């Protein structure tokens, strides 16, 4: 995605929920990804399907789990 990070949020799926990133057609991996700040992702946040986090924080949690 070639959008500015200012228009993006970093999210990761909650409770192993499988989500497809509509913009790319790819699955949202457990480590998380930057996605656009748009209505789709705000609904996912509101519904509890994803959590917004810091990318460095997400990588640290994944590596701590090993």
N, C-alpha and C. Protein backbone atom coordinates (compact mmCIF):
# COMPACT_ATOMS: atom_id res chain seq x y z
N UNK A 1 0.84 -1.17 0.00
CA UNK A 1 0.00 0.00 0.00
C UNK A 1 0.89 1.24 0.00
N UNK A 2 0.61 2.16 -0.86
CA UNK A 2 1.44 3.34 -0.98
C UNK A 2 0.85 4.55 -0.29
N UNK A 3 0.09 4.35 0.74
CA UNK A 3 -0.51 5.46 1.46
C UNK A 3 0.43 5.91 2.56
N UNK A 4 0.29 7.17 2.95
CA UNK A 4 1.07 7.72 4.05
C UNK A 4 0.72 6.99 5.34
N UNK A 5 1.72 6.80 6.20
CA UNK A 5 1.46 6.14 7.50
C UNK A 5 0.48 6.96 8.33
N UNK A 6 0.36 8.26 8.00
CA UNK A 6 -0.56 9.12 8.73
C UNK A 6 -2.01 8.67 8.51
N UNK A 7 -2.30 8.07 7.37
CA UNK A 7 -3.64 7.61 7.05
C UNK A 7 -3.81 6.12 7.31
N UNK A 8 -2.88 5.56 8.09
CA UNK A 8 -2.88 4.12 8.33
C UNK A 8 -2.91 3.85 9.84
N UNK A 9 -3.37 2.67 10.19
CA UNK A 9 -3.31 2.20 11.58
C UNK A 9 -2.72 0.79 11.54
N UNK A 10 -2.09 0.40 12.64
CA UNK A 10 -1.53 -0.95 12.72
C UNK A 10 -2.49 -1.76 13.57
N UNK A 11 -3.01 -2.84 13.00
CA UNK A 11 -3.95 -3.70 13.71
C UNK A 11 -3.48 -5.14 13.65
N UNK A 12 -3.93 -5.91 14.61
CA UNK A 12 -3.71 -7.35 14.57
C UNK A 12 -5.01 -8.02 14.97
N UNK A 13 -5.26 -9.21 14.44
CA UNK A 13 -6.52 -9.89 14.73
C UNK A 13 -6.60 -10.31 16.20
N UNK A 14 -7.78 -10.29 16.72
CA UNK A 14 -8.01 -10.69 18.10
C UNK A 14 -8.56 -12.11 18.11
N UNK A 15 -8.07 -12.92 19.02
CA UNK A 15 -8.59 -14.28 19.22
C UNK A 15 -8.58 -15.14 17.95
N UNK A 16 -7.50 -15.04 17.18
CA UNK A 16 -7.30 -15.87 15.98
C UNK A 16 -8.42 -15.74 14.95
N UNK A 17 -9.04 -14.57 14.88
CA UNK A 17 -10.07 -14.32 13.87
C UNK A 17 -9.38 -14.19 12.52
N UNK A 18 -9.92 -14.84 11.51
CA UNK A 18 -9.36 -14.74 10.16
C UNK A 18 -10.07 -13.63 9.40
N UNK A 19 -9.29 -12.64 8.98
CA UNK A 19 -9.83 -11.51 8.23
C UNK A 19 -9.05 -11.34 6.94
N UNK A 20 -9.75 -10.90 5.92
CA UNK A 20 -9.12 -10.57 4.65
C UNK A 20 -9.00 -9.06 4.56
N UNK A 21 -7.84 -8.58 4.14
CA UNK A 21 -7.64 -7.16 3.94
C UNK A 21 -8.27 -6.81 2.59
N UNK A 22 -9.39 -6.07 2.60
CA UNK A 22 -10.10 -5.81 1.34
C UNK A 22 -9.24 -5.14 0.26
N UNK A 23 -8.34 -4.29 0.67
CA UNK A 23 -7.52 -3.55 -0.29
C UNK A 23 -6.54 -4.44 -1.05
N UNK A 24 -6.11 -5.54 -0.44
CA UNK A 24 -5.11 -6.40 -1.07
C UNK A 24 -5.62 -7.82 -1.36
N UNK A 25 -6.67 -8.24 -0.68
CA UNK A 25 -7.18 -9.60 -0.83
C UNK A 25 -6.39 -10.61 -0.01
N UNK A 26 -5.37 -10.14 0.74
CA UNK A 26 -4.56 -11.03 1.55
C UNK A 26 -5.17 -11.19 2.95
N UNK A 27 -4.80 -12.26 3.62
CA UNK A 27 -5.24 -12.49 4.98
C UNK A 27 -4.44 -11.60 5.93
N UNK A 28 -5.09 -11.10 6.98
CA UNK A 28 -4.40 -10.33 8.02
C UNK A 28 -3.67 -11.34 8.90
N UNK A 29 -2.35 -11.26 8.91
CA UNK A 29 -1.57 -12.25 9.66
C UNK A 29 -1.63 -11.94 11.16
N UNK A 30 -1.31 -12.92 11.96
CA UNK A 30 -1.38 -12.80 13.41
C UNK A 30 -0.45 -11.71 13.94
N UNK A 31 0.64 -11.43 13.23
CA UNK A 31 1.58 -10.39 13.65
C UNK A 31 1.00 -8.99 13.44
N UNK A 32 -0.01 -8.88 12.59
CA UNK A 32 -0.64 -7.60 12.32
C UNK A 32 -0.11 -6.95 11.06
N UNK A 33 -0.73 -5.82 10.69
CA UNK A 33 -0.35 -5.10 9.48
C UNK A 33 -0.88 -3.68 9.54
N UNK A 34 -0.24 -2.81 8.75
CA UNK A 34 -0.78 -1.47 8.57
C UNK A 34 -1.95 -1.56 7.60
N UNK A 35 -3.04 -0.93 7.95
CA UNK A 35 -4.24 -0.90 7.11
C UNK A 35 -4.74 0.54 7.05
N UNK A 36 -5.53 0.87 6.04
CA UNK A 36 -6.03 2.24 5.94
C UNK A 36 -7.02 2.57 7.06
N UNK A 37 -6.99 3.84 7.48
CA UNK A 37 -8.01 4.32 8.43
C UNK A 37 -9.27 4.55 7.60
N UNK A 38 -10.15 3.56 7.60
CA UNK A 38 -11.40 3.72 6.86
C UNK A 38 -12.53 3.05 7.63
N UNK A 39 -13.72 3.15 7.10
CA UNK A 39 -14.92 2.64 7.79
C UNK A 39 -14.82 1.14 8.06
N UNK A 40 -14.27 0.37 7.13
CA UNK A 40 -14.17 -1.07 7.32
C UNK A 40 -13.37 -1.40 8.57
N UNK A 41 -12.18 -0.81 8.70
CA UNK A 41 -11.32 -1.13 9.84
C UNK A 41 -11.84 -0.52 11.13
N UNK A 42 -12.51 0.61 11.06
CA UNK A 42 -13.12 1.16 12.27
C UNK A 42 -14.25 0.25 12.77
N UNK A 43 -15.00 -0.36 11.86
CA UNK A 43 -16.02 -1.34 12.28
C UNK A 43 -15.37 -2.56 12.90
N UNK A 44 -14.27 -3.04 12.31
CA UNK A 44 -13.58 -4.21 12.88
C UNK A 44 -13.09 -3.89 14.29
N UNK A 45 -12.56 -2.69 14.51
CA UNK A 45 -12.12 -2.27 15.84
C UNK A 45 -13.30 -2.21 16.80
N UNK A 46 -14.37 -1.57 16.37
CA UNK A 46 -15.56 -1.43 17.22
C UNK A 46 -16.15 -2.79 17.59
N UNK A 47 -16.16 -3.71 16.63
CA UNK A 47 -16.74 -5.03 16.87
C UNK A 47 -15.80 -5.96 17.64
N UNK A 48 -14.54 -5.53 17.85
CA UNK A 48 -13.60 -6.34 18.61
C UNK A 48 -12.91 -7.43 17.80
N UNK A 49 -12.98 -7.34 16.47
CA UNK A 49 -12.33 -8.34 15.62
C UNK A 49 -10.83 -8.11 15.53
N UNK A 50 -10.41 -6.85 15.70
CA UNK A 50 -8.98 -6.50 15.67
C UNK A 50 -8.69 -5.55 16.82
N UNK A 51 -7.41 -5.43 17.14
CA UNK A 51 -6.98 -4.44 18.13
C UNK A 51 -5.92 -3.57 17.48
N UNK A 52 -5.96 -2.26 17.79
CA UNK A 52 -4.94 -1.35 17.28
C UNK A 52 -3.76 -1.41 18.23
N UNK A 53 -2.57 -1.51 17.68
CA UNK A 53 -1.38 -1.63 18.49
C UNK A 53 -0.20 -0.98 17.77
N UNK A 54 0.90 -0.88 18.46
CA UNK A 54 2.13 -0.36 17.90
C UNK A 54 2.85 -1.52 17.23
N UNK A 55 3.36 -1.34 16.00
CA UNK A 55 4.02 -2.46 15.32
C UNK A 55 5.18 -3.05 16.11
N UNK A 56 5.98 -2.24 16.76
CA UNK A 56 7.11 -2.76 17.54
C UNK A 56 6.59 -3.56 18.73
N UNK A 57 5.51 -3.10 19.34
CA UNK A 57 4.90 -3.80 20.47
C UNK A 57 4.36 -5.15 20.02
N UNK A 58 3.75 -5.19 18.84
CA UNK A 58 3.19 -6.45 18.33
C UNK A 58 4.31 -7.45 18.06
N UNK A 59 5.42 -7.00 17.46
CA UNK A 59 6.53 -7.92 17.18
C UNK A 59 7.14 -8.45 18.48
N UNK A 60 7.23 -7.60 19.49
CA UNK A 60 7.80 -8.03 20.77
C UNK A 60 6.94 -9.11 21.39
N UNK A 61 5.61 -8.93 21.38
CA UNK A 61 4.72 -9.92 21.95
C UNK A 61 4.82 -11.25 21.21
N UNK A 62 4.92 -11.21 19.89
CA UNK A 62 5.04 -12.44 19.11
C UNK A 62 6.33 -13.15 19.45
N UNK A 63 7.44 -12.41 19.54
CA UNK A 63 8.72 -13.05 19.84
C UNK A 63 8.78 -13.55 21.28
N UNK A 64 8.10 -12.89 22.20
CA UNK A 64 8.08 -13.35 23.59
C UNK A 64 7.34 -14.67 23.73
N UNK A 65 6.39 -14.93 22.82
CA UNK A 65 5.60 -16.14 22.89
C UNK A 65 6.35 -17.38 22.45
N UNK A 66 7.55 -17.22 21.89
CA UNK A 66 8.31 -18.38 21.40
C UNK A 66 9.13 -19.01 22.47
